[in-house]
N, C-alpha and C. Protein backbone atom coordinates (compact mmCIF):
# COMPACT_ATOMS: atom_id res chain seq x y z
N MET A 1 -25.75 -10.84 5.06
CA MET A 1 -24.26 -10.47 5.68
C MET A 1 -23.82 -12.02 5.72
N PHE A 2 -23.91 -13.19 6.49
CA PHE A 2 -23.00 -13.89 6.18
C PHE A 2 -23.30 -15.05 5.44
N ASP A 3 -24.17 -14.34 4.08
CA ASP A 3 -24.95 -15.55 2.77
C ASP A 3 -24.85 -16.65 3.37
N ILE A 4 -26.10 -16.64 4.28
CA ILE A 4 -27.10 -17.73 4.81
C ILE A 4 -28.31 -18.10 4.10
N GLY A 5 -28.51 -19.19 3.34
CA GLY A 5 -29.97 -19.58 2.89
C GLY A 5 -30.85 -19.65 3.69
N PHE A 6 -31.85 -19.96 2.62
CA PHE A 6 -33.18 -20.28 3.55
C PHE A 6 -33.06 -21.93 3.97
N SER A 7 -31.99 -22.88 3.54
CA SER A 7 -31.91 -24.18 3.72
C SER A 7 -30.86 -24.08 4.66
N GLU A 8 -29.78 -23.63 4.76
CA GLU A 8 -29.08 -23.67 5.60
C GLU A 8 -29.95 -23.05 7.14
N LEU A 9 -30.55 -22.12 7.05
CA LEU A 9 -31.72 -21.07 8.56
C LEU A 9 -32.56 -22.89 8.37
N LEU A 10 -32.76 -23.50 7.81
CA LEU A 10 -33.79 -24.90 8.16
C LEU A 10 -32.76 -25.65 8.60
N VAL A 11 -31.65 -26.02 8.11
CA VAL A 11 -30.91 -26.70 9.18
C VAL A 11 -30.60 -26.67 10.29
N ILE A 12 -30.18 -25.42 10.59
CA ILE A 12 -29.93 -24.38 12.19
C ILE A 12 -31.22 -24.80 12.84
N ALA A 13 -32.63 -24.55 12.60
CA ALA A 13 -33.27 -24.80 12.98
C ALA A 13 -33.91 -26.42 13.56
N THR A 14 -33.38 -26.98 12.76
CA THR A 14 -33.65 -28.29 12.86
C THR A 14 -32.86 -28.83 14.57
N VAL A 15 -31.41 -28.70 14.11
CA VAL A 15 -30.66 -28.84 14.89
C VAL A 15 -30.76 -28.60 16.13
N ALA A 16 -31.81 -27.10 16.41
CA ALA A 16 -31.60 -26.25 17.81
C ALA A 16 -33.04 -27.06 18.58
N LEU A 17 -33.85 -27.37 17.40
CA LEU A 17 -35.00 -27.70 18.08
C LEU A 17 -35.14 -29.35 18.29
N ILE A 18 -33.75 -30.09 17.97
CA ILE A 18 -33.46 -31.39 18.61
C ILE A 18 -32.38 -31.12 19.85
N VAL A 19 -31.83 -30.19 19.88
CA VAL A 19 -30.85 -30.64 20.86
C VAL A 19 -31.43 -29.51 22.18
N MET A 20 -32.01 -28.56 22.23
CA MET A 20 -32.57 -28.03 22.95
C MET A 20 -33.92 -28.36 23.60
N GLY A 21 -34.87 -28.58 22.54
CA GLY A 21 -35.89 -28.89 22.69
C GLY A 21 -37.32 -28.55 23.04
N PRO A 22 -38.57 -28.83 22.35
CA PRO A 22 -39.61 -27.73 21.92
C PRO A 22 -39.47 -26.76 23.14
N GLU A 23 -39.88 -27.42 24.57
CA GLU A 23 -39.92 -26.19 25.99
C GLU A 23 -39.17 -25.12 26.29
N ARG A 24 -37.92 -25.69 25.98
CA ARG A 24 -36.77 -24.18 25.96
C ARG A 24 -36.19 -23.69 24.73
N LEU A 25 -36.72 -23.96 23.62
CA LEU A 25 -36.12 -23.02 22.44
C LEU A 25 -36.72 -22.04 21.96
N PRO A 26 -38.40 -21.13 22.87
CA PRO A 26 -38.83 -20.44 22.52
C PRO A 26 -37.76 -19.30 23.60
N GLU A 27 -37.36 -19.48 24.53
CA GLU A 27 -37.09 -18.40 25.53
C GLU A 27 -35.49 -18.09 25.37
N THR A 28 -34.60 -19.40 24.60
CA THR A 28 -33.42 -19.63 23.94
C THR A 28 -33.13 -18.59 22.57
N VAL A 29 -34.23 -18.43 21.98
CA VAL A 29 -34.78 -17.70 20.92
C VAL A 29 -34.11 -16.31 21.36
N ARG A 30 -35.38 -15.91 22.31
CA ARG A 30 -35.62 -14.87 22.82
C ARG A 30 -34.27 -13.90 23.85
N SER A 31 -33.88 -14.99 24.36
CA SER A 31 -32.19 -14.32 25.04
C SER A 31 -31.52 -14.09 24.10
N ILE A 32 -31.20 -14.92 22.40
CA ILE A 32 -30.48 -14.55 21.95
C ILE A 32 -30.65 -13.72 20.95
N SER A 33 -31.78 -13.45 20.47
CA SER A 33 -32.22 -12.23 19.97
C SER A 33 -32.35 -10.83 20.66
N LEU A 34 -32.42 -10.83 22.15
CA LEU A 34 -32.15 -10.24 23.17
C LEU A 34 -30.33 -9.19 23.53
N TRP A 35 -29.40 -10.95 23.02
CA TRP A 35 -28.28 -10.28 22.98
C TRP A 35 -27.97 -9.43 22.01
N ILE A 36 -27.89 -10.02 20.76
CA ILE A 36 -28.07 -9.27 19.66
C ILE A 36 -28.31 -7.73 19.57
N GLY A 37 -29.05 -8.10 20.28
CA GLY A 37 -30.11 -6.66 20.18
C GLY A 37 -28.80 -5.46 21.10
N ARG A 38 -28.44 -6.00 22.30
CA ARG A 38 -27.90 -5.48 22.79
C ARG A 38 -26.68 -5.04 22.17
N PHE A 39 -25.79 -5.99 21.40
CA PHE A 39 -24.78 -5.62 20.39
C PHE A 39 -24.31 -4.94 19.82
N LYS A 40 -25.64 -4.48 18.94
CA LYS A 40 -26.04 -4.34 17.96
C LYS A 40 -26.08 -2.65 18.68
N GLN A 41 -26.88 -2.68 20.16
CA GLN A 41 -26.39 -1.16 20.71
C GLN A 41 -24.97 -0.94 20.49
N MET A 42 -24.67 -1.81 21.54
CA MET A 42 -23.13 -0.99 21.73
C MET A 42 -22.44 -0.72 20.95
N LEU A 43 -22.40 -1.81 19.86
CA LEU A 43 -21.81 -1.05 18.26
C LEU A 43 -22.11 0.23 18.21
N SER A 44 -23.42 0.77 17.68
CA SER A 44 -23.54 1.64 17.68
C SER A 44 -23.84 2.84 18.26
N SER A 45 -23.12 2.68 19.23
CA SER A 45 -22.78 3.73 20.32
C SER A 45 -21.70 3.89 20.48
N ALA A 46 -20.76 2.54 20.14
CA ALA A 46 -19.50 2.79 20.19
C ALA A 46 -18.96 3.63 19.08
N ARG A 47 -19.20 3.21 17.81
CA ARG A 47 -19.25 3.98 16.22
C ARG A 47 -19.37 5.66 16.65
N LYS A 48 -21.14 6.34 17.08
CA LYS A 48 -21.13 7.40 17.14
C LYS A 48 -20.24 8.21 18.26
N ASP A 49 -19.57 7.58 19.53
CA ASP A 49 -18.48 8.26 19.97
C ASP A 49 -17.01 8.17 19.22
N PHE A 50 -16.46 7.13 19.02
CA PHE A 50 -15.38 7.33 17.90
C PHE A 50 -15.67 8.75 17.45
N GLU A 51 -17.01 8.43 16.25
CA GLU A 51 -17.57 9.39 15.33
C GLU A 51 -16.60 11.43 15.94
N GLN A 52 -17.68 11.35 17.31
CA GLN A 52 -17.14 13.03 17.94
C GLN A 52 -16.28 13.07 18.46
N GLU A 53 -15.46 12.17 18.66
CA GLU A 53 -14.11 11.92 18.65
C GLU A 53 -13.19 12.32 17.83
N VAL A 54 -13.54 11.58 16.93
CA VAL A 54 -12.53 12.22 15.77
C VAL A 54 -12.65 13.30 15.22
N GLY A 55 -14.53 13.85 15.13
CA GLY A 55 -14.68 14.66 14.38
C GLY A 55 -15.25 14.43 12.97
N MET A 56 -15.40 13.42 12.87
CA MET A 56 -15.90 12.89 11.72
C MET A 56 -16.93 14.37 10.72
N ASP A 57 -18.02 14.86 11.44
CA ASP A 57 -18.85 15.90 10.80
C ASP A 57 -17.74 16.70 10.25
N ASP A 58 -16.89 17.07 11.03
CA ASP A 58 -15.75 18.54 10.62
C ASP A 58 -15.24 17.61 9.34
N ILE A 59 -14.85 16.77 9.45
CA ILE A 59 -13.79 16.10 8.15
C ILE A 59 -14.72 15.99 7.22
N ARG A 60 -16.16 15.86 7.20
CA ARG A 60 -17.16 15.09 6.23
C ARG A 60 -17.11 16.56 6.00
N GLN A 61 -17.30 17.37 6.27
CA GLN A 61 -17.51 18.75 6.02
C GLN A 61 -16.72 19.49 5.10
N GLN A 62 -15.15 19.12 5.40
CA GLN A 62 -14.47 19.65 5.12
C GLN A 62 -14.12 18.84 3.44
N LEU A 63 -13.91 17.79 3.40
CA LEU A 63 -13.91 17.09 2.08
C LEU A 63 -14.94 17.66 1.04
N HIS A 64 -16.37 18.06 1.71
CA HIS A 64 -17.44 18.20 1.14
C HIS A 64 -17.13 19.74 0.05
N ASN A 65 -16.61 20.31 0.82
CA ASN A 65 -16.31 21.78 0.71
C ASN A 65 -15.14 21.58 -0.26
N GLU A 66 -14.13 20.84 0.13
CA GLU A 66 -12.91 20.79 -0.84
C GLU A 66 -13.19 19.97 -2.35
N LYS A 67 -14.39 19.24 -2.40
CA LYS A 67 -15.01 18.83 -3.78
C LYS A 67 -15.32 20.17 -4.54
N ILE A 68 -16.23 20.48 -3.78
CA ILE A 68 -16.72 21.81 -4.27
C ILE A 68 -15.65 22.64 -5.28
N MET A 69 -14.69 22.95 -4.05
CA MET A 69 -13.71 23.92 -4.91
C MET A 69 -13.05 23.05 -5.92
N ARG A 70 -12.79 21.88 -5.91
CA ARG A 70 -11.94 21.40 -7.34
C ARG A 70 -13.42 21.13 -8.08
N ASP A 71 -14.25 21.15 -8.07
CA ASP A 71 -15.51 21.13 -9.07
C ASP A 71 -15.40 22.90 -9.47
N LEU A 72 -15.15 23.85 -9.03
CA LEU A 72 -15.35 24.94 -9.41
C LEU A 72 -14.19 25.08 -9.81
N SER A 73 -12.87 24.85 -9.64
CA SER A 73 -11.95 25.23 -10.60
C SER A 73 -12.02 24.44 -11.95
N GLN A 74 -12.22 23.03 -11.95
CA GLN A 74 -12.33 22.23 -12.98
C GLN A 74 -13.25 23.36 -13.87
N THR A 75 -14.30 23.71 -13.76
CA THR A 75 -15.43 24.53 -14.14
C THR A 75 -14.87 25.70 -14.60
N LYS A 76 -14.27 26.61 -13.44
CA LYS A 76 -13.53 27.54 -14.27
C LYS A 76 -12.31 27.41 -15.55
N GLU A 77 -11.86 26.44 -15.29
CA GLU A 77 -10.40 25.70 -16.79
C GLU A 77 -11.67 25.74 -17.62
N ASP A 78 -12.49 24.90 -17.88
CA ASP A 78 -13.52 24.61 -18.91
C ASP A 78 -13.87 25.96 -19.32
N LEU A 79 -14.33 26.65 -18.68
CA LEU A 79 -14.93 27.86 -19.20
C LEU A 79 -13.76 28.89 -19.74
N GLN A 80 -12.47 28.70 -19.14
CA GLN A 80 -11.22 29.40 -19.99
C GLN A 80 -11.24 29.09 -20.83
N GLN A 81 -11.11 27.88 -21.34
CA GLN A 81 -10.32 27.26 -22.43
C GLN A 81 -11.50 27.57 -23.66
N THR A 82 -12.23 27.41 -22.88
CA THR A 82 -14.04 27.55 -24.04
C THR A 82 -13.62 29.41 -24.81
N LEU A 83 -13.77 30.34 -23.94
CA LEU A 83 -12.87 31.89 -24.01
C LEU A 83 -12.28 31.52 -24.83
N ASP A 84 -11.03 31.42 -24.29
CA ASP A 84 -9.86 31.06 -25.48
C ASP A 84 -10.36 30.80 -26.91
N ALA A 85 -10.81 29.62 -26.67
CA ALA A 85 -10.78 28.77 -28.22
C ALA A 85 -11.94 29.72 -29.00
N THR A 86 -12.79 30.82 -28.50
CA THR A 86 -13.54 31.89 -28.75
C THR A 86 -13.10 32.86 -29.37
N ALA A 87 -12.58 33.26 -28.51
CA ALA A 87 -11.18 34.27 -28.82
C ALA A 87 -10.30 34.10 -30.22
N LEU A 88 -9.79 32.80 -30.29
CA LEU A 88 -9.04 32.65 -31.51
C LEU A 88 -10.07 32.45 -32.66
N GLU A 89 -11.17 32.10 -32.21
CA GLU A 89 -11.83 31.89 -33.36
C GLU A 89 -12.52 33.29 -34.19
N ALA A 90 -12.63 34.04 -33.25
CA ALA A 90 -13.46 35.65 -33.25
C ALA A 90 -11.72 36.01 -34.58
N ALA A 91 -10.80 35.97 -33.58
CA ALA A 91 -9.83 37.13 -34.22
C ALA A 91 -9.51 36.27 -35.90
N SER A 92 -9.74 34.99 -35.57
CA SER A 92 -9.65 34.08 -37.30
C SER A 92 -10.57 34.61 -37.93
N LEU A 93 -11.75 34.93 -37.47
CA LEU A 93 -12.88 35.07 -38.49
C LEU A 93 -13.04 36.61 -38.51
N GLU A 94 -12.26 37.84 -37.63
CA GLU A 94 -12.07 38.97 -37.99
C GLU A 94 -10.84 38.92 -39.29
N GLU A 95 -9.90 37.75 -39.15
CA GLU A 95 -8.73 38.24 -39.98
C GLU A 95 -9.51 37.78 -41.91
N THR A 96 -10.70 37.03 -41.69
CA THR A 96 -10.97 36.13 -42.77
C THR A 96 -11.83 37.82 -43.80
N ILE A 97 -12.88 38.32 -42.63
CA ILE A 97 -13.84 39.12 -43.27
C ILE A 97 -12.55 40.73 -43.29
N LYS A 98 -11.67 40.89 -42.59
CA LYS A 98 -10.56 42.11 -42.86
C LYS A 98 -10.35 42.37 -44.32
N SER A 99 -9.23 41.02 -44.46
CA SER A 99 -8.66 40.61 -45.75
C SER A 99 -9.79 41.43 -47.49
N PRO A 100 -10.68 40.84 -46.95
CA PRO A 100 -11.60 40.86 -48.47
C PRO A 100 -11.95 42.45 -48.68
N LEU A 101 -12.73 42.80 -47.16
CA LEU A 101 -12.96 43.91 -47.00
C LEU A 101 -11.85 45.41 -47.16
N ASP A 102 -10.31 44.98 -47.21
CA ASP A 102 -9.46 45.67 -47.12
C ASP A 102 -9.32 45.69 -48.81
N ASP A 103 -9.05 44.84 -49.45
CA ASP A 103 -9.11 44.49 -50.79
C ASP A 103 -10.21 45.63 -51.40
N ALA A 104 -11.36 45.58 -51.14
CA ALA A 104 -12.15 46.45 -51.14
C ALA A 104 -12.02 47.95 -51.23
N MET A 105 -11.76 48.02 -50.14
CA MET A 105 -11.52 49.49 -49.50
C MET A 105 -10.02 49.98 -50.54
N THR A 106 -9.45 49.51 -50.40
CA THR A 106 -8.20 50.24 -51.88
C THR A 106 -8.61 49.74 -52.86
N ALA A 107 -9.21 49.26 -53.36
CA ALA A 107 -9.58 49.35 -55.06
C ALA A 107 -11.20 50.21 -55.02
N LEU A 108 -11.36 50.58 -53.87
CA LEU A 108 -12.69 52.04 -54.44
C LEU A 108 -11.72 53.92 -54.34
N ASP A 109 -10.82 53.30 -53.63
CA ASP A 109 -10.04 54.41 -53.21
C ASP A 109 -9.13 54.18 -54.31
N SER A 110 -8.72 53.50 -54.96
CA SER A 110 -8.08 53.72 -56.30
C SER A 110 -8.52 54.21 -58.28
N LYS A 111 -10.01 53.84 -57.35
CA LYS A 111 -11.24 54.43 -58.50
C LYS A 111 -10.95 55.86 -58.54
N PRO A 112 -10.97 55.80 -59.70
CA PRO A 112 -11.33 58.00 -60.14
C PRO A 112 -12.52 57.88 -59.41
N PRO A 113 -12.57 59.17 -59.42
CA PRO A 113 -14.12 59.38 -58.80
C PRO A 113 -14.69 59.87 -60.05
N GLU A 114 -16.11 58.97 -59.79
CA GLU A 114 -17.17 59.22 -61.00
C GLU A 114 -17.85 60.43 -61.33
N THR A 115 -17.89 61.04 -62.56
CA THR A 115 -18.90 62.19 -62.37
C THR A 115 -20.38 62.12 -62.58
N LYS A 116 -20.49 62.74 -61.69
CA LYS A 116 -22.58 62.81 -61.21
C LYS A 116 -23.53 63.40 -62.41
N PRO A 117 -24.50 62.61 -63.08
CA PRO A 117 -25.02 63.06 -64.23
C PRO A 117 -26.15 64.35 -63.73
N ASN A 118 -26.52 65.29 -65.07
CA ASN A 118 -27.12 66.38 -64.27
C ASN A 118 -28.27 66.06 -64.42
N LEU A 119 -28.70 65.96 -63.49
CA LEU A 119 -30.30 65.68 -63.36
C LEU A 119 -31.36 67.15 -63.20
N THR A 120 -30.74 67.85 -62.99
CA THR A 120 -31.43 69.28 -62.94
C THR A 120 -32.37 69.75 -64.48
N LYS A 121 -32.95 70.25 -64.80
CA LYS A 121 -33.95 70.65 -65.46
C LYS A 121 -33.25 71.43 -66.39
N THR A 122 -33.21 71.39 -67.56
CA THR A 122 -33.05 72.50 -68.17
C THR A 122 -34.29 72.92 -68.86
N PRO A 123 -34.41 74.74 -69.34
CA PRO A 123 -35.52 75.08 -70.10
C PRO A 123 -36.22 74.10 -70.94
N ALA A 124 -34.86 73.74 -72.05
CA ALA A 124 -35.27 72.83 -73.40
C ALA A 124 -36.01 71.60 -72.91
N ASP A 125 -36.25 70.85 -71.82
CA ASP A 125 -37.05 69.74 -71.30
C ASP A 125 -38.39 70.27 -70.87
N GLU A 126 -38.91 71.42 -70.46
CA GLU A 126 -40.27 72.19 -70.65
C GLU A 126 -40.88 71.80 -70.98
């Protein structure tokens, strides 16, 4: 928080012990701790009151909902792009399949009908 290391704390404690004396030091530490606790509680209470006045819960909920809507919109756009790409690919595949198939159908239509061999038995075959 204040970026104070162990060596700095040791120097502060030594100076406090020298200035305050060993008799008053525990009482002073207790009172400083009490004031720090009260100050933290006061800040926490003020923050809570401020959040209630401003309506932070409503704002947080609204921001959360907007984020969800943006995510849904992005997902919808991604899905639409994927569907469009798939449709284009399907149309391309249909064209590549349709062209040889049409050629084959045209070739079959232009051939003369084949004569079927006579598979019936004649009296001579018996």
